[in-house]
PDB file of N, CA and C in Angstrom:
ATOM      1  N   MET A   1     233.707 181.307  62.115  1.00  0.00           N
ATOM      2  CA  MET A   1     233.186 182.237  61.102  1.00  0.00           C
ATOM      3  C   MET A   1     234.737 183.118  61.459  1.00  0.00           C
ATOM      4  N   SER A   2     235.892 183.467  60.473  1.00  0.00           N
ATOM      5  CA  SER A   2     237.151 184.945  60.997  1.00  0.00           C
ATOM      6  C   SER A   2     236.233 186.093  60.365  1.00  0.00           C
ATOM      7  N   GLU A   3     235.719 186.016  59.656  1.00  0.00           N
ATOM      8  CA  GLU A   3     234.876 187.433  59.357  1.00  0.00           C
ATOM      9  C   GLU A   3     233.704 188.201  59.708  1.00  0.00           C
ATOM     10  N   SER A   4     233.118 188.365  60.323  1.00  0.00           N
ATOM     11  CA  SER A   4     231.671 189.465  60.196  1.00  0.00           C
ATOM     12  C   SER A   4     231.261 189.229  59.271  1.00  0.00           C
ATOM     13  N   VAL A   5     230.074 188.833  59.203  1.00  0.00           N
ATOM     14  CA  VAL A   5     229.425 189.397  57.637  1.00  0.00           C
ATOM     15  C   VAL A   5     228.066 189.392  57.727  1.00  0.00           C
ATOM     16  N   THR A   6     227.846 190.805  57.754  1.00  0.00           N
ATOM     17  CA  THR A   6     226.692 191.422  57.739  1.00  0.00           C
ATOM     18  C   THR A   6     225.204 190.866  56.699  1.00  0.00           C
ATOM     19  N   LEU A   7     224.590 189.912  57.491  1.00  0.00           N
ATOM     20  CA  LEU A   7     222.806 188.970  56.598  1.00  0.00           C
ATOM     21  C   LEU A   7     222.309 190.548  55.903  1.00  0.00           C
ATOM     22  N   VAL A   8     221.927 191.026  56.187  1.00  0.00           N
ATOM     23  CA  VAL A   8     221.286 192.520  55.745  1.00  0.00           C
ATOM     24  C   VAL A   8     221.826 193.577  55.484  1.00  0.00           C
ATOM     25  N   PRO A   9     222.006 193.868  54.317  1.00  0.00           N
ATOM     26  CA  PRO A   9     223.183 194.916  53.721  1.00  0.00           C
ATOM     27  C   PRO A   9     222.359 196.273  54.492  1.00  0.00           C
ATOM     28  N   GLY A  10     223.181 197.266  55.054  1.00  0.00           N
ATOM     29  CA  GLY A  10     222.563 198.104  55.093  1.00  0.00           C
ATOM     30  C   GLY A  10     221.200 198.589  56.510  1.00  0.00           C
ATOM     31  N   ASN A  11     221.387 196.983  57.321  1.00  0.00           N
ATOM     32  CA  ASN A  11     220.629 196.675  58.152  1.00  0.00           C
ATOM     33  C   ASN A  11     219.128 196.947  57.429  1.00  0.00           C
ATOM     34  N   THR A  12     218.614 196.888  56.348  1.00  0.00           N
ATOM     35  CA  THR A  12     217.020 197.544  56.302  1.00  0.00           C
ATOM     36  C   THR A  12     216.736 196.189  54.842  1.00  0.00           C
ATOM     37  N   LEU A  13     215.802 196.403  54.546  1.00  0.00           N
ATOM     38  CA  LEU A  13     215.011 195.689  53.710  1.00  0.00           C
ATOM     39  C   LEU A  13     214.433 196.678  52.834  1.00  0.00           C
ATOM     40  N   ILE A  14     214.013 197.905  52.801  1.00  0.00           N
ATOM     41  CA  ILE A  14     213.453 198.707  52.689  1.00  0.00           C
ATOM     42  C   ILE A  14     214.355 199.429  50.812  1.00  0.00           C
ATOM     43  N   THR A  15     213.594 199.240  49.731  1.00  0.00           N
ATOM     44  CA  THR A  15     214.200 199.356  48.584  1.00  0.00           C
ATOM     45  C   THR A  15     213.626 200.544  47.880  1.00  0.00           C
ATOM     46  N   ALA A  16     214.414 201.117  46.839  1.00  0.00           N
ATOM     47  CA  ALA A  16     213.415 202.051  46.084  1.00  0.00           C
ATOM     48  C   ALA A  16     212.488 201.549  45.253  1.00  0.00           C
ATOM     49  N   THR A  17     212.864 200.499  44.369  1.00  0.00           N
ATOM     50  CA  THR A  17     211.742 199.817  43.431  1.00  0.00           C
ATOM     51  C   THR A  17     212.372 198.339  43.201  1.00  0.00           C
ATOM     52  N   ALA A  18     211.599 197.654  42.615  1.00  0.00           N
ATOM     53  CA  ALA A  18     211.461 196.262  42.452  1.00  0.00           C
ATOM     54  C   ALA A  18     213.121 196.071  42.087  1.00  0.00           C
ATOM     55  N   GLU A  19     213.816 196.661  41.212  1.00  0.00           N
ATOM     56  CA  GLU A  19     214.782 195.756  40.582  1.00  0.00           C
ATOM     57  C   GLU A  19     215.956 195.857  41.673  1.00  0.00           C
ATOM     58  N   GLU A  20     216.084 197.111  42.642  1.00  0.00           N
ATOM     59  CA  GLU A  20     216.633 196.947  43.838  1.00  0.00           C
ATOM     60  C   GLU A  20     216.417 196.547  44.794  1.00  0.00           C
ATOM     61  N   GLY A  21     215.393 195.998  45.062  1.00  0.00           N
ATOM     62  CA  GLY A  21     214.902 194.785  45.736  1.00  0.00           C
ATOM     63  C   GLY A  21     215.084 193.659  45.393  1.00  0.00           C
ATOM     64  N   ARG A  22     215.272 193.483  44.277  1.00  0.00           N
ATOM     65  CA  ARG A  22     215.353 191.986  43.441  1.00  0.00           C
ATOM     66  C   ARG A  22     217.383 192.138  43.593  1.00  0.00           C
ATOM     67  N   GLN A  23     218.163 192.642  43.423  1.00  0.00           N
ATOM     68  CA  GLN A  23     219.489 192.753  43.568  1.00  0.00           C
ATOM     69  C   GLN A  23     219.607 192.766  44.807  1.00  0.00           C
ATOM     70  N   LEU A  24     218.907 192.914  45.748  1.00  0.00           N
ATOM     71  CA  LEU A  24     219.156 193.033  47.320  1.00  0.00           C
ATOM     72  C   LEU A  24     218.915 191.778  47.793  1.00  0.00           C
ATOM     73  N   ALA A  25     218.075 190.479  47.077  1.00  0.00           N
ATOM     74  CA  ALA A  25     217.763 189.787  47.352  1.00  0.00           C
ATOM     75  C   ALA A  25     218.752 188.576  46.764  1.00  0.00           C
ATOM     76  N   ILE A  26     219.353 188.590  45.804  1.00  0.00           N
ATOM     77  CA  ILE A  26     220.192 187.979  45.467  1.00  0.00           C
ATOM     78  C   ILE A  26     221.656 188.402  46.094  1.00  0.00           C
ATOM     79  N   LYS A  27     222.034 189.422  46.478  1.00  0.00           N
ATOM     80  CA  LYS A  27     222.940 189.284  47.388  1.00  0.00           C
ATOM     81  C   LYS A  27     222.825 188.849  48.728  1.00  0.00           C
ATOM     82  N   MET A  28     221.867 189.270  49.224  1.00  0.00           N
ATOM     83  CA  MET A  28     221.704 188.065  50.487  1.00  0.00           C
ATOM     84  C   MET A  28     221.681 186.580  50.564  1.00  0.00           C
ATOM     85  N   SER A  29     220.991 186.090  49.076  1.00  0.00           N
ATOM     86  CA  SER A  29     220.831 184.703  49.219  1.00  0.00           C
ATOM     87  C   SER A  29     222.621 184.652  49.160  1.00  0.00           C
ATOM     88  N   ARG A  30     223.047 185.229  48.359  1.00  0.00           N
ATOM     89  CA  ARG A  30     224.864 184.972  48.662  1.00  0.00           C
ATOM     90  C   ARG A  30     225.306 184.860  49.503  1.00  0.00           C
ATOM     91  N   LEU A  31     225.022 185.969  50.275  1.00  0.00           N
ATOM     92  CA  LEU A  31     225.665 186.152  51.938  1.00  0.00           C
ATOM     93  C   LEU A  31     225.638 184.765  52.861  1.00  0.00           C
ATOM     94  N   ILE A  32     223.917 184.098  52.499  1.00  0.00           N
ATOM     95  CA  ILE A  32     223.858 182.714  53.542  1.00  0.00           C
ATOM     96  C   ILE A  32     224.965 181.865  53.591  1.00  0.00           C
ATOM     97  N   ILE A  33     224.894 181.630  51.705  1.00  0.00           N
ATOM     98  CA  ILE A  33     225.953 180.727  51.441  1.00  0.00           C
ATOM     99  C   ILE A  33     227.113 180.926  51.880  1.00  0.00           C
ATOM    100  N   LYS A  34     227.660 182.224  51.731  1.00  0.00           N
ATOM    101  CA  LYS A  34     229.306 182.236  52.906  1.00  0.00           C
ATOM    102  C   LYS A  34     229.277 181.898  53.549  1.00  0.00           C
ATOM    103  N   VAL A  35     228.273 182.292  54.983  1.00  0.00           N
ATOM    104  CA  VAL A  35     227.599 181.997  56.328  1.00  0.00           C
ATOM    105  C   VAL A  35     227.928 180.775  56.533  1.00  0.00           C
ATOM    106  N   THR A  36     226.856 180.166  55.478  1.00  0.00           N
ATOM    107  CA  THR A  36     226.801 178.333  55.698  1.00  0.00           C
ATOM    108  C   THR A  36     228.262 178.020  54.910  1.00  0.00           C
ATOM    109  N   GLN A  37     228.785 178.515  54.002  1.00  0.00           N
ATOM    110  CA  GLN A  37     230.166 177.631  53.886  1.00  0.00           C
ATOM    111  C   GLN A  37     230.955 179.050  53.854  1.00  0.00           C
ATOM    112  N   PRO A  38     231.913 179.034  54.691  1.00  0.00           N
ATOM    113  CA  PRO A  38     232.949 180.001  54.992  1.00  0.00           C
ATOM    114  C   PRO A  38     234.060 180.274  54.303  1.00  0.00           C
ATOM    115  N   ASP A  39     234.513 178.741  54.366  1.00  0.00           N
ATOM    116  CA  ASP A  39     235.700 178.427  53.083  1.00  0.00           C
ATOM    117  C   ASP A  39     235.955 178.726  51.391  1.00  0.00           C
ATOM    118  N   ALA A  40     236.494 179.769  51.121  1.00  0.00           N
ATOM    119  CA  ALA A  40     236.133 180.020  49.969  1.00  0.00           C
ATOM    120  C   ALA A  40     236.330 179.264  48.795  1.00  0.00           C
ATOM    121  N   ALA A  41     237.985 178.657  49.051  1.00  0.00           N
ATOM    122  CA  ALA A  41     238.187 177.685  48.783  1.00  0.00           C
ATOM    123  C   ALA A  41     237.223 175.939  48.054  1.00  0.00           C
ATOM    124  N   VAL A  42     236.477 176.190  49.201  1.00  0.00           N
ATOM    125  CA  VAL A  42     235.426 175.289  49.198  1.00  0.00           C
ATOM    126  C   VAL A  42     234.514 175.441  48.486  1.00  0.00           C
ATOM    127  N   ARG A  43     233.885 176.785  48.081  1.00  0.00           N
ATOM    128  CA  ARG A  43     232.559 177.036  48.186  1.00  0.00           C
ATOM    129  C   ARG A  43     232.982 177.443  46.070  1.00  0.00           C
ATOM    130  N   GLU A  44     234.173 177.712  45.735  1.00  0.00           N
ATOM    131  CA  GLU A  44     234.722 177.349  44.588  1.00  0.00           C
ATOM    132  C   GLU A  44     234.896 176.197  43.912  1.00  0.00           C
ATOM    133  N   LYS A  45     235.439 175.753  44.114  1.00  0.00           N
ATOM    134  CA  LYS A  45     235.307 173.807  44.509  1.00  0.00           C
ATOM    135  C   LYS A  45     234.040 173.387  44.126  1.00  0.00           C
ATOM    136  N   LEU A  46     232.775 173.941  44.546  1.00  0.00           N
ATOM    137  CA  LEU A  46     231.319 173.418  44.411  1.00  0.00           C
ATOM    138  C   LEU A  46     231.061 173.611  43.082  1.00  0.00           C
ATOM    139  N   ARG A  47     231.753 175.499  42.921  1.00  0.00           N
ATOM    140  CA  ARG A  47     230.446 175.962  42.231  1.00  0.00           C
ATOM    141  C   ARG A  47     230.238 175.165  40.322  1.00  0.00           C
ATOM    142  N   PRO A  48     231.355 174.098  39.967  1.00  0.00           N
ATOM    143  CA  PRO A  48     230.979 173.736  38.785  1.00  0.00           C
ATOM    144  C   PRO A  48     229.817 172.593  39.295  1.00  0.00           C
ATOM    145  N   ILE A  49     229.932 172.036  40.098  1.00  0.00           N
ATOM    146  CA  ILE A  49     229.278 170.771  40.603  1.00  0.00           C
ATOM    147  C   ILE A  49     227.346 171.677  40.127  1.00  0.00           C
ATOM    148  N   TYR A  50     227.141 172.361  41.344  1.00  0.00           N
ATOM    149  CA  TYR A  50     225.695 173.217  41.323  1.00  0.00           C
ATOM    150  C   TYR A  50     225.806 173.983  40.104  1.00  0.00           C
ATOM    151  N   ALA A  51     227.020 173.896  38.999  1.00  0.00           N
ATOM    152  CA  ALA A  51     226.508 174.789  37.680  1.00  0.00           C
ATOM    153  C   ALA A  51     226.180 174.109  36.944  1.00  0.00           C
ATOM    154  N   SER A  52     226.166 172.776  36.819  1.00  0.00           N
ATOM    155  CA  SER A  52     225.573 171.745  36.238  1.00  0.00           C
ATOM    156  C   SER A  52     224.741 170.522  36.442  1.00  0.00           C
ATOM    157  N   ASP A  53     224.032 171.345  37.386  1.00  0.00           N
ATOM    158  CA  ASP A  53     223.069 170.640  38.131  1.00  0.00           C
ATOM    159  C   ASP A  53     221.903 171.143  37.945  1.00  0.00           C
ATOM    160  N   ALA A  54     220.588 170.675  37.118  1.00  0.00           N
ATOM    161  CA  ALA A  54     219.689 171.543  37.001  1.00  0.00           C
ATOM    162  C   ALA A  54     218.655 171.890  38.763  1.00  0.00           C
ATOM    163  N   ALA A  55     219.209 170.783  39.359  1.00  0.00           N
ATOM    164  CA  ALA A  55     217.823 170.708  40.426  1.00  0.00           C
ATOM    165  C   ALA A  55     218.581 171.856  41.397  1.00  0.00           C
ATOM    166  N   MET A  56     219.969 171.467  41.614  1.00  0.00           N
ATOM    167  CA  MET A  56     220.609 172.754  42.414  1.00  0.00           C
ATOM    168  C   MET A  56     220.420 174.160  42.035  1.00  0.00           C
ATOM    169  N   LEU A  57     220.944 174.473  40.741  1.00  0.00           N
ATOM    170  CA  LEU A  57     220.414 175.687  39.931  1.00  0.00           C
ATOM    171  C   LEU A  57     218.570 176.092  40.458  1.00  0.00           C
ATOM    172  N   ILE A  58     217.969 175.089  40.374  1.00  0.00           N
ATOM    173  CA  ILE A  58     216.046 175.739  40.618  1.00  0.00           C
ATOM    174  C   ILE A  58     216.496 176.149  42.604  1.00  0.00           C
ATOM    175  N   ALA A  59     217.126 175.074  42.634  1.00  0.00           N
ATOM    176  CA  ALA A  59     217.138 175.339  44.531  1.00  0.00           C
ATOM    177  C   ALA A  59     217.465 176.848  44.279  1.00  0.00           C
ATOM    178  N   VAL A  60     218.772 177.213  43.998  1.00  0.00           N
ATOM    179  CA  VAL A  60     219.128 178.479  44.077  1.00  0.00           C
ATOM    180  C   VAL A  60     217.999 179.684  44.171  1.00  0.00           C
ATOM    181  N   GLY A  61     217.266 179.915  42.718  1.00  0.00           N
ATOM    182  CA  GLY A  61     216.270 180.010  42.272  1.00  0.00           C
ATOM    183  C   GLY A  61     215.664 180.778  43.559  1.00  0.00           C
ATOM    184  N   GLN A  62     214.481 179.583  44.067  1.00  0.00           N
ATOM    185  CA  GLN A  62     214.139 179.151  45.008  1.00  0.00           C
ATOM    186  C   GLN A  62     214.575 179.898  45.871  1.00  0.00           C
ATOM    187  N   THR A  63     215.655 180.146  46.249  1.00  0.00           N
ATOM    188  CA  THR A  63     215.700 180.903  47.612  1.00  0.00           C
ATOM    189  C   THR A  63     216.256 182.456  47.575  1.00  0.00           C
ATOM    190  N   VAL A  64     216.731 182.509  46.195  1.00  0.00           N
ATOM    191  CA  VAL A  64     216.616 184.441  45.327  1.00  0.00           C
ATOM    192  C   VAL A  64     214.800 184.356  45.893  1.00  0.00           C
ATOM    193  N   ALA A  65     214.256 183.542  45.375  1.00  0.00           N
ATOM    194  CA  ALA A  65     212.096 184.031  45.264  1.00  0.00           C
ATOM    195  C   ALA A  65     212.104 184.238  46.558  1.00  0.00           C
ATOM    196  N   ILE A  66     212.602 183.250  47.413  1.00  0.00           N
ATOM    197  CA  ILE A  66     211.941 183.425  49.165  1.00  0.00           C
ATOM    198  C   ILE A  66     212.832 184.474  49.407  1.00  0.00           C
ATOM    199  N   GLU A  67     213.935 185.066  49.456  1.00  0.00           N
ATOM    200  CA  GLU A  67     214.293 186.344  49.930  1.00  0.00           C
ATOM    201  C   GLU A  67     213.301 187.274  49.298  1.00  0.00           C
ATOM    202  N   PHE A  68     213.320 187.349  47.925  1.00  0.00           N
ATOM    203  CA  PHE A  68     212.551 188.500  46.883  1.00  0.00           C
ATOM    204  C   PHE A  68     211.303 188.925  47.461  1.00  0.00           C
ATOM    205  N   ALA A  69     210.809 187.647  48.229  1.00  0.00           N
ATOM    206  CA  ALA A  69     209.073 187.795  48.605  1.00  0.00           C
ATOM    207  C   ALA A  69     208.940 188.787  49.254  1.00  0.00           C
ATOM    208  N   THR A  70     210.241 188.515  50.741  1.00  0.00           N
ATOM    209  CA  THR A  70     210.304 189.198  51.818  1.00  0.00           C
ATOM    210  C   THR A  70     210.067 190.089  52.017  1.00  0.00           C
ATOM    211  N   ILE A  71     211.148 190.789  51.206  1.00  0.00           N
ATOM    212  CA  ILE A  71     211.485 192.485  50.693  1.00  0.00           C
ATOM    213  C   ILE A  71     210.546 192.687  50.111  1.00  0.00           C
ATOM    214  N   ALA A  72     209.907 192.160  49.127  1.00  0.00           N
ATOM    215  CA  ALA A  72     208.765 192.871  48.709  1.00  0.00           C
ATOM    216  C   ALA A  72     207.522 193.013  49.468  1.00  0.00           C
ATOM    217  N   ALA A  73     207.319 192.211  50.656  1.00  0.00           N
ATOM    218  CA  ALA A  73     206.623 192.510  51.347  1.00  0.00           C
ATOM    219  C   ALA A  73     207.015 193.369  52.350  1.00  0.00           C
ATOM    220  N   ALA A  74     208.088 193.451  52.640  1.00  0.00           N
ATOM    221  CA  ALA A  74     208.648 195.069  53.935  1.00  0.00           C
ATOM    222  C   ALA A  74     208.342 196.160  52.931  1.00  0.00           C
ATOM    223  N   ASN A  75     208.384 196.541  51.342  1.00  0.00           N
ATOM    224  CA  ASN A  75     208.286 197.531  50.500  1.00  0.00           C
ATOM    225  C   ASN A  75     207.144 197.559  50.556  1.00  0.00           C
ATOM    226  N   ASN A  76     206.203 197.236  50.723  1.00  0.00           N
ATOM    227  CA  ASN A  76     204.188 196.847  50.616  1.00  0.00           C
ATOM    228  C   ASN A  76     204.442 196.798  49.116  1.00  0.00           C
ATOM    229  N   TYR A  77     205.048 195.661  48.683  1.00  0.00           N
ATOM    230  CA  TYR A  77     205.173 195.765  47.010  1.00  0.00           C
ATOM    231  C   TYR A  77     205.692 196.459  46.140  1.00  0.00           C
ATOM    232  N   TRP A  78     205.925 198.138  46.922  1.00  0.00           N
ATOM    233  CA  TRP A  78     206.137 199.498  46.432  1.00  0.00           C
ATOM    234  C   TRP A  78     205.411 199.952  46.301  1.00  0.00           C
ATOM    235  N   LYS A  79     203.647 199.977  46.546  1.00  0.00           N
ATOM    236  CA  LYS A  79     202.397 200.787  46.073  1.00  0.00           C
ATOM    237  C   LYS A  79     202.979 202.451  46.800  1.00  0.00           C
ATOM    238  N   ALA A  80     202.429 202.633  46.084  1.00  0.00           N
ATOM    239  CA  ALA A  80     202.665 203.873  46.872  1.00  0.00           C
ATOM    240  C   ALA A  80     201.152 203.963  47.813  1.00  0.00           C
ATOM    241  N   ILE A  81     201.391 204.989  49.246  1.00  0.00           N
ATOM    242  CA  ILE A  81     200.272 205.209  49.944  1.00  0.00           C
ATOM    243  C   ILE A  81     199.698 206.176  49.822  1.00  0.00           C
TER     244      ILE A  81
END
């Protein structure tokens, strides 16, 4: 991989709100795809394939959900202490 990718933006999972946590989960999910397939041209070529495959879209949702669950736990589910 020619460029360095920061897998945890800002080196923290702590966010002020659940909405920010969800946005971070989406960003982290996209970053792992970039690391797994670093060739942007290949990613672009594959996008129409997974965009029309329901099973692949569900897998994307599951990946984001897993990242979000991790972030939510790190934020104590945004409960006031």
